[in-house]
């Protein structure tokens, strides 16, 4: 049985020390028993396995979800682990979905969603080690499962330095001009073309960022094209563009940045973006954006399992929405307050 050193080496570089520390805490804790660990590649997934075996205090069992013979095999493995009991850590590596034969029933994530009430702490800790395409697939196919898994870790890169980090994804509160993912995706070819033409005209960088790069960024995020967001930020924008924006454009930037980092489980980065979003909304006296900033701050707190803080942020957001008569926005915040109450078992 291997003890977990408080100063264990970080297997993915010093920039991920804080996030790896959260993973190590999960490996030693009894509750909550479920987690997602997002990794860059199969090679990094195997690093997670090796590190878990070195540091976990309990035996570690691993199942290569995408290498199993068929869908049924993955079901049987998980069922056996649910029934085993005892103190174990189970890691499921999924870089692709298991093959599914005709008559197998619902797709794997849908099936797993139906099992959520049966996985108890006594069954051991269960972590899904997923690459970004699988994370996106899981989020799209099994919303309840997504909410049900309480811990999410991001080992994709260094917050603030990796090109995939310094951007934002638009979700419930601040989608690009209210666009749905499908609507946002339709705009992308035109927005890319406009950005390329703007650069060819030699326009000032501040104008390019405000009028061309920011709309492309927002719609990429709204469409869920997270890998393309990373490319835009790294190749086109060079990271944080807030200094090249002003007024409402800066608010849009911080909102999207917070949401993108939330999608990537970079909670430290999301908190920082939310702080800037709140501060600038207050300075500009923009109540609508301040309400959105409070709501986003609540989501970050909720992801951290700090439900008392989440509730306070949501209530701040709700007060503004009700004062402004924003019934649709208030409904969304009530929904999140309900989730917080349910998780706290405050029925």
Protein backbone atom coordinates (compact mmCIF):
# COMPACT_ATOMS: atom_id res chain seq x y z
CA UNK A 1 0.00 0.00 0.00
CA UNK A 2 1.59 3.26 -1.10
CA UNK A 3 1.12 6.45 0.87
CA UNK A 4 0.56 9.75 -0.90
CA UNK A 5 3.38 12.18 -0.35
CA UNK A 6 2.37 15.81 0.13
CA UNK A 7 5.33 16.72 -2.08
CA UNK A 8 4.99 14.03 -4.71
CA UNK A 9 6.39 14.88 -8.11
CA UNK A 10 3.96 16.46 -10.53
CA UNK A 11 3.89 14.06 -13.50
CA UNK A 12 2.85 16.72 -16.03
CA UNK A 13 5.15 19.63 -15.22
CA UNK A 14 5.18 22.31 -12.49
CA UNK A 15 2.48 24.42 -14.14
CA UNK A 16 -0.08 21.72 -13.35
CA UNK A 17 0.98 21.28 -9.73
CA UNK A 18 -2.19 22.78 -8.27
CA UNK A 19 -4.52 20.72 -10.46
CA UNK A 20 -2.55 17.54 -9.87
CA UNK A 21 -2.83 18.29 -6.15
CA UNK A 22 -6.63 18.18 -6.55
CA UNK A 23 -6.36 14.82 -8.31
CA UNK A 24 -4.18 13.47 -5.50
CA UNK A 25 -6.76 14.64 -2.95
CA UNK A 26 -9.38 12.67 -4.85
CA UNK A 27 -7.17 9.57 -4.76
CA UNK A 28 -7.00 9.71 -0.98
CA UNK A 29 -10.56 10.83 -0.17
CA UNK A 30 -13.56 8.64 0.45
CA UNK A 31 -16.08 11.14 -0.88
CA UNK A 32 -17.10 12.15 -3.42
CA UNK A 33 -16.43 8.87 -5.19
CA UNK A 34 -16.68 9.97 -8.84
CA UNK A 35 -14.53 12.14 -11.08
CA UNK A 36 -13.58 13.03 -14.64
CA UNK A 37 -9.94 13.67 -15.50
CA UNK A 38 -9.50 15.36 -18.88
CA UNK A 39 -6.15 14.69 -20.56
CA UNK A 40 -4.47 15.71 -23.79
CA UNK A 41 -3.80 12.28 -25.27
CA UNK A 42 -3.60 8.54 -24.75
CA UNK A 43 0.01 8.95 -23.61
CA UNK A 44 -1.02 11.42 -20.93
CA UNK A 45 -3.87 9.12 -19.87
CA UNK A 46 -1.31 6.41 -19.26
CA UNK A 47 0.74 8.89 -17.21
CA UNK A 48 -2.31 9.44 -15.01
CA UNK A 49 -2.62 5.69 -14.50
CA UNK A 50 1.06 5.31 -13.59
CA UNK A 51 0.90 8.23 -11.18
CA UNK A 52 -2.30 6.95 -9.57
CA UNK A 53 -0.72 3.55 -9.01
CA UNK A 54 2.27 5.20 -7.32
CA UNK A 55 0.26 7.49 -5.12
CA UNK A 56 -3.06 5.85 -4.36
CA UNK A 57 -3.33 4.32 -0.92
CA UNK A 58 -5.62 1.63 -2.33
CA UNK A 59 -5.33 -0.88 -5.18
CA UNK A 60 -5.90 0.64 -8.62
CA UNK A 61 -7.83 -1.24 -11.31
CA UNK A 62 -7.83 0.06 -14.89
CA UNK A 63 -10.18 -0.63 -17.77
CA UNK A 64 -9.31 0.44 -21.32
CA UNK A 65 -12.78 1.33 -22.48
CA UNK A 66 -11.87 1.83 -26.12
CA UNK A 67 -9.89 -1.40 -26.37
CA UNK A 68 -12.59 -3.75 -25.14
CA UNK A 69 -14.03 -6.26 -27.55
CA UNK A 70 -17.51 -4.81 -27.41
CA UNK A 71 -19.95 -2.68 -25.47
CA UNK A 72 -21.14 -5.57 -23.28
CA UNK A 73 -17.64 -6.17 -21.95
CA UNK A 74 -17.43 -2.61 -20.61
CA UNK A 75 -20.84 -2.97 -18.97
CA UNK A 76 -19.87 -6.20 -17.25
CA UNK A 77 -16.60 -4.73 -15.95
CA UNK A 78 -18.35 -1.77 -14.35
CA UNK A 79 -21.09 -3.95 -12.89
CA UNK A 80 -18.50 -6.21 -11.30
CA UNK A 81 -16.70 -3.23 -9.76
CA UNK A 82 -19.94 -1.79 -8.42
CA UNK A 83 -20.64 -5.06 -6.66
CA UNK A 84 -17.11 -5.70 -5.41
CA UNK A 85 -17.06 -3.35 -2.42
CA UNK A 86 -13.93 -2.60 -0.46
CA UNK A 87 -11.49 0.25 -0.87
CA UNK A 88 -10.28 0.54 -4.46
CA UNK A 89 -9.65 3.13 -7.13
CA UNK A 90 -11.03 2.31 -10.57
CA UNK A 91 -9.81 4.21 -13.62
CA UNK A 92 -11.64 4.02 -16.94
CA UNK A 93 -9.53 5.18 -19.89
CA UNK A 94 -11.70 6.31 -22.77
CA UNK A 95 -10.09 7.82 -25.86
CA UNK A 96 -12.88 6.39 -28.06
CA UNK A 97 -16.25 4.81 -27.42
CA UNK A 98 -16.50 1.03 -27.16
CA UNK A 99 -17.80 -0.79 -30.18
CA UNK A 100 -21.48 -1.48 -29.98
CA UNK A 101 -23.30 -4.38 -31.58
CA UNK A 102 -26.89 -4.38 -32.71
CA UNK A 103 -29.17 -5.16 -29.79
CA UNK A 104 -26.73 -3.95 -27.12
CA UNK A 105 -29.21 -1.39 -25.83
CA UNK A 106 -28.47 2.28 -25.18
CA UNK A 107 -25.08 3.80 -25.98
CA UNK A 108 -22.46 3.44 -23.27
CA UNK A 109 -22.77 6.90 -21.72
CA UNK A 110 -26.56 6.71 -21.78
CA UNK A 111 -26.41 3.31 -20.12
CA UNK A 112 -23.96 4.58 -17.52
CA UNK A 113 -26.26 7.50 -16.81
CA UNK A 114 -28.94 5.00 -15.82
CA UNK A 115 -26.56 3.38 -13.33
CA UNK A 116 -25.71 6.58 -11.47
CA UNK A 117 -27.77 5.82 -8.38
CA UNK A 118 -26.05 2.48 -7.90
CA UNK A 119 -22.48 3.70 -7.62
CA UNK A 120 -21.91 4.21 -3.90
CA UNK A 121 -18.78 5.27 -1.99
CA UNK A 122 -18.38 1.72 -0.73
CA UNK A 123 -17.83 0.66 -4.34
CA UNK A 124 -14.58 2.65 -4.38
CA UNK A 125 -13.44 5.72 -6.27
CA UNK A 126 -14.22 5.76 -9.97
CA UNK A 127 -12.51 8.17 -12.37
CA UNK A 128 -13.04 8.49 -16.11
CA UNK A 129 -9.80 9.56 -17.82
CA UNK A 130 -10.98 11.19 -21.04
CA UNK A 131 -9.51 13.02 -24.00
CA UNK A 132 -11.31 16.24 -25.12
CA UNK A 133 -13.43 14.59 -27.87
CA UNK A 134 -14.78 12.12 -25.33
CA UNK A 135 -15.45 14.88 -22.81
CA UNK A 136 -17.46 16.79 -25.41
CA UNK A 137 -19.34 13.62 -26.38
CA UNK A 138 -20.14 12.84 -22.76
CA UNK A 139 -21.34 16.39 -22.08
CA UNK A 140 -23.59 16.27 -25.12
CA UNK A 141 -25.07 12.82 -24.60
CA UNK A 142 -25.62 12.48 -20.88
CA UNK A 143 -26.42 15.76 -19.19
CA UNK A 144 -27.60 14.13 -15.99
CA UNK A 145 -24.45 12.03 -15.79
CA UNK A 146 -22.39 15.18 -16.33
CA UNK A 147 -24.09 16.83 -13.35
CA UNK A 148 -23.88 13.66 -11.33
CA UNK A 149 -20.09 13.39 -11.57
CA UNK A 150 -19.08 15.91 -8.90
CA UNK A 151 -15.35 16.32 -9.57
CA UNK A 152 -13.76 17.42 -12.82
CA UNK A 153 -10.02 17.82 -13.30
CA UNK A 154 -8.20 19.48 -16.19
CA UNK A 155 -4.69 18.24 -17.03
CA UNK A 156 -4.65 19.70 -20.54
CA UNK A 157 -2.12 22.43 -20.00
CA UNK A 158 -0.82 25.26 -17.94
CA UNK A 159 -3.40 27.94 -17.12
CA UNK A 160 -2.32 31.25 -18.60
CA UNK A 161 0.51 29.72 -20.67
CA UNK A 162 -0.96 26.93 -22.74
CA UNK A 163 -2.64 28.22 -25.87
CA UNK A 164 -5.84 26.32 -25.11
CA UNK A 165 -6.36 28.09 -21.80
CA UNK A 166 -6.64 31.83 -22.32
CA UNK A 167 -10.05 31.95 -23.91
CA UNK A 168 -13.72 31.63 -23.15
CA UNK A 169 -16.69 29.43 -23.95
CA UNK A 170 -20.21 30.84 -24.03
CA UNK A 171 -22.85 28.80 -22.22
CA UNK A 172 -26.23 29.47 -20.61
CA UNK A 173 -25.68 33.09 -19.64
CA UNK A 174 -23.57 34.68 -22.40
CA UNK A 175 -23.75 32.89 -25.69
CA UNK A 176 -22.46 34.87 -28.66
CA UNK A 177 -25.31 37.25 -29.50
CA UNK A 178 -27.72 34.67 -28.09
CA UNK A 179 -26.75 32.08 -30.67
CA UNK A 180 -27.39 28.38 -30.22
CA UNK A 181 -24.47 26.04 -30.99
CA UNK A 182 -25.92 25.34 -34.42
CA UNK A 183 -26.48 29.00 -35.23
CA UNK A 184 -22.98 29.90 -34.05
CA UNK A 185 -21.43 27.15 -36.19
CA UNK A 186 -23.13 28.53 -39.32
CA UNK A 187 -21.46 31.90 -38.79
CA UNK A 188 -17.93 30.53 -38.46
CA UNK A 189 -16.86 30.38 -42.16
CA UNK A 190 -17.91 34.00 -42.71
CA UNK A 191 -16.24 35.19 -39.51
CA UNK A 192 -12.98 33.43 -40.39
CA UNK A 193 -13.02 35.02 -43.84
CA UNK A 194 -13.69 38.48 -42.40
CA UNK A 195 -10.81 38.14 -39.93
CA UNK A 196 -8.40 37.10 -42.68
CA UNK A 197 -9.46 40.04 -44.89
CA UNK A 198 -9.16 42.48 -41.96
CA UNK A 199 -5.60 41.37 -41.33
CA UNK A 200 -4.82 41.81 -45.01
CA UNK A 201 -6.01 45.43 -44.88
CA UNK A 202 -3.54 46.28 -42.15
CA UNK A 203 -6.14 47.55 -39.69
CA UNK A 204 -5.13 48.53 -36.17
CA UNK A 205 -4.80 45.54 -33.85
CA UNK A 206 -7.39 46.94 -31.43
CA UNK A 207 -9.97 47.12 -34.27
CA UNK A 208 -9.13 43.62 -35.48
CA UNK A 209 -9.53 42.24 -31.96
CA UNK A 210 -12.79 44.05 -31.24
CA UNK A 211 -14.61 43.75 -34.59
CA UNK A 212 -13.25 40.52 -36.06
CA UNK A 213 -11.34 38.26 -33.64
CA UNK A 214 -13.70 38.62 -30.67
CA UNK A 215 -16.87 37.66 -32.62
CA UNK A 216 -15.06 34.64 -34.08
CA UNK A 217 -13.84 33.68 -30.63
CA UNK A 218 -17.33 33.98 -29.08
CA UNK A 219 -18.99 31.93 -31.80
CA UNK A 220 -16.32 29.21 -31.73
CA UNK A 221 -16.98 28.91 -28.03
CA UNK A 222 -20.76 28.97 -28.44
CA UNK A 223 -20.45 26.25 -31.09
CA UNK A 224 -18.34 24.11 -28.76
CA UNK A 225 -15.30 24.16 -31.07
CA UNK A 226 -12.86 24.19 -28.17
CA UNK A 227 -9.83 22.94 -30.12
CA UNK A 228 -10.35 25.69 -32.69
CA UNK A 229 -10.64 28.23 -29.89
CA UNK A 230 -7.20 27.13 -28.72
CA UNK A 231 -5.79 27.62 -32.20
CA UNK A 232 -7.33 31.07 -32.55
CA UNK A 233 -5.96 32.20 -29.21
CA UNK A 234 -2.52 30.81 -29.80
CA UNK A 235 -1.93 31.60 -33.48
CA UNK A 236 -4.08 34.69 -34.00
CA UNK A 237 -4.47 36.45 -30.67
CA UNK A 238 -1.51 35.47 -28.56
CA UNK A 239 -3.58 34.78 -25.47
CA UNK A 240 -5.33 37.38 -23.34
CA UNK A 241 -6.57 40.27 -25.50
CA UNK A 242 -8.29 42.26 -22.73
CA UNK A 243 -5.71 45.06 -22.95
CA UNK A 244 -6.67 45.57 -26.61
CA UNK A 245 -10.38 45.87 -25.84
CA UNK A 246 -12.47 48.41 -23.97
CA UNK A 247 -15.96 48.86 -22.55
CA UNK A 248 -18.58 46.28 -23.59
CA UNK A 249 -16.05 44.33 -25.68
CA UNK A 250 -13.98 43.65 -22.54
CA UNK A 251 -17.10 42.43 -20.77
CA UNK A 252 -17.80 40.02 -23.63
CA UNK A 253 -14.19 38.80 -23.47
CA UNK A 254 -14.23 38.09 -19.72
CA UNK A 255 -17.61 36.35 -19.94
CA UNK A 256 -16.47 34.05 -22.70
CA UNK A 257 -13.10 33.46 -21.06
CA UNK A 258 -14.76 32.37 -17.83
CA UNK A 259 -17.07 30.00 -19.66
CA UNK A 260 -14.32 28.46 -21.76
CA UNK A 261 -12.19 27.79 -18.71
CA UNK A 262 -15.19 26.25 -17.01
CA UNK A 263 -15.60 23.90 -19.96
CA UNK A 264 -11.94 22.94 -19.60
CA UNK A 265 -12.32 22.49 -15.81
CA UNK A 266 -9.71 25.18 -15.22
CA UNK A 267 -11.49 26.47 -12.13
CA UNK A 268 -8.61 28.69 -11.05
CA UNK A 269 -8.64 30.42 -14.43
CA UNK A 270 -12.44 30.58 -14.43
CA UNK A 271 -12.45 32.24 -11.02
CA UNK A 272 -9.94 34.84 -12.20
CA UNK A 273 -12.00 35.59 -15.32
CA UNK A 274 -15.19 35.85 -13.24
CA UNK A 275 -13.47 38.29 -10.89
CA UNK A 276 -12.48 40.52 -13.83
CA UNK A 277 -15.94 40.17 -15.34
CA UNK A 278 -17.61 41.28 -12.09
CA UNK A 279 -15.16 44.13 -11.52
CA UNK A 280 -15.55 45.60 -14.99
CA UNK A 281 -19.33 45.21 -14.99
CA UNK A 282 -19.46 47.11 -11.69
CA UNK A 283 -17.17 49.85 -12.98
CA UNK A 284 -19.30 50.30 -16.11
CA UNK A 285 -22.55 50.11 -14.12
CA UNK A 286 -23.82 47.37 -16.43
CA UNK A 287 -26.39 45.51 -14.33
CA UNK A 288 -27.19 42.91 -16.99
CA UNK A 289 -23.57 41.84 -17.31
CA UNK A 290 -23.10 42.00 -13.53
CA UNK A 291 -25.99 39.55 -13.14
CA UNK A 292 -24.36 37.25 -15.69
CA UNK A 293 -21.03 37.56 -13.86
CA UNK A 294 -22.67 36.59 -10.57
CA UNK A 295 -24.32 33.61 -12.25
CA UNK A 296 -21.02 32.43 -13.73
CA UNK A 297 -19.35 32.84 -10.34
CA UNK A 298 -22.07 30.60 -8.91
CA UNK A 299 -21.35 27.92 -11.48
CA UNK A 300 -17.62 28.00 -10.62
CA UNK A 301 -18.42 27.70 -6.90
CA UNK A 302 -20.83 24.86 -7.65
CA UNK A 303 -18.14 23.00 -9.59
CA UNK A 304 -15.87 23.43 -6.56
CA UNK A 305 -18.60 21.89 -4.39
CA UNK A 306 -18.77 25.14 -2.41
CA UNK A 307 -22.55 25.13 -2.41
CA UNK A 308 -22.99 27.89 0.17
CA UNK A 309 -20.97 30.29 -2.00
CA UNK A 310 -22.78 29.10 -5.15
CA UNK A 311 -26.13 29.85 -3.56
CA UNK A 312 -25.04 33.37 -2.60
CA UNK A 313 -23.79 34.15 -6.11
CA UNK A 314 -27.01 32.83 -7.66
CA UNK A 315 -29.13 34.91 -5.29
CA UNK A 316 -27.16 38.04 -6.23
CA UNK A 317 -27.77 37.27 -9.90
CA UNK A 318 -31.44 36.53 -9.28
CA UNK A 319 -32.04 39.82 -7.46
CA UNK A 320 -30.87 41.81 -10.50
CA UNK A 321 -32.83 39.69 -12.98
CA UNK A 322 -36.06 40.01 -11.02
CA UNK A 323 -35.57 43.75 -10.63
CA UNK A 324 -35.12 44.03 -14.41
CA UNK A 325 -38.07 41.76 -15.16
CA UNK A 326 -35.84 39.20 -16.87
CA UNK A 327 -38.11 36.17 -16.42
CA UNK A 328 -36.16 33.88 -18.73
CA UNK A 329 -32.86 34.66 -17.02
CA UNK A 330 -34.42 34.27 -13.58
CA UNK A 331 -35.77 30.85 -14.56
CA UNK A 332 -32.24 29.68 -15.41
CA UNK A 333 -30.91 30.87 -12.07
CA UNK A 334 -33.79 29.24 -10.19
CA UNK A 335 -32.87 26.02 -12.00
CA UNK A 336 -29.31 26.23 -10.68
CA UNK A 337 -30.54 27.05 -7.17
CA UNK A 338 -32.66 23.92 -7.38
CA UNK A 339 -29.64 21.82 -8.38
CA UNK A 340 -27.67 23.20 -5.42
CA UNK A 341 -30.53 22.41 -3.03
CA UNK A 342 -30.87 18.90 -4.45
CA UNK A 343 -27.15 18.15 -4.13
CA UNK A 344 -27.26 19.45 -0.54
CA UNK A 345 -30.29 17.19 -0.01
CA UNK A 346 -32.31 20.24 1.02
CA UNK A 347 -35.50 18.85 -0.45
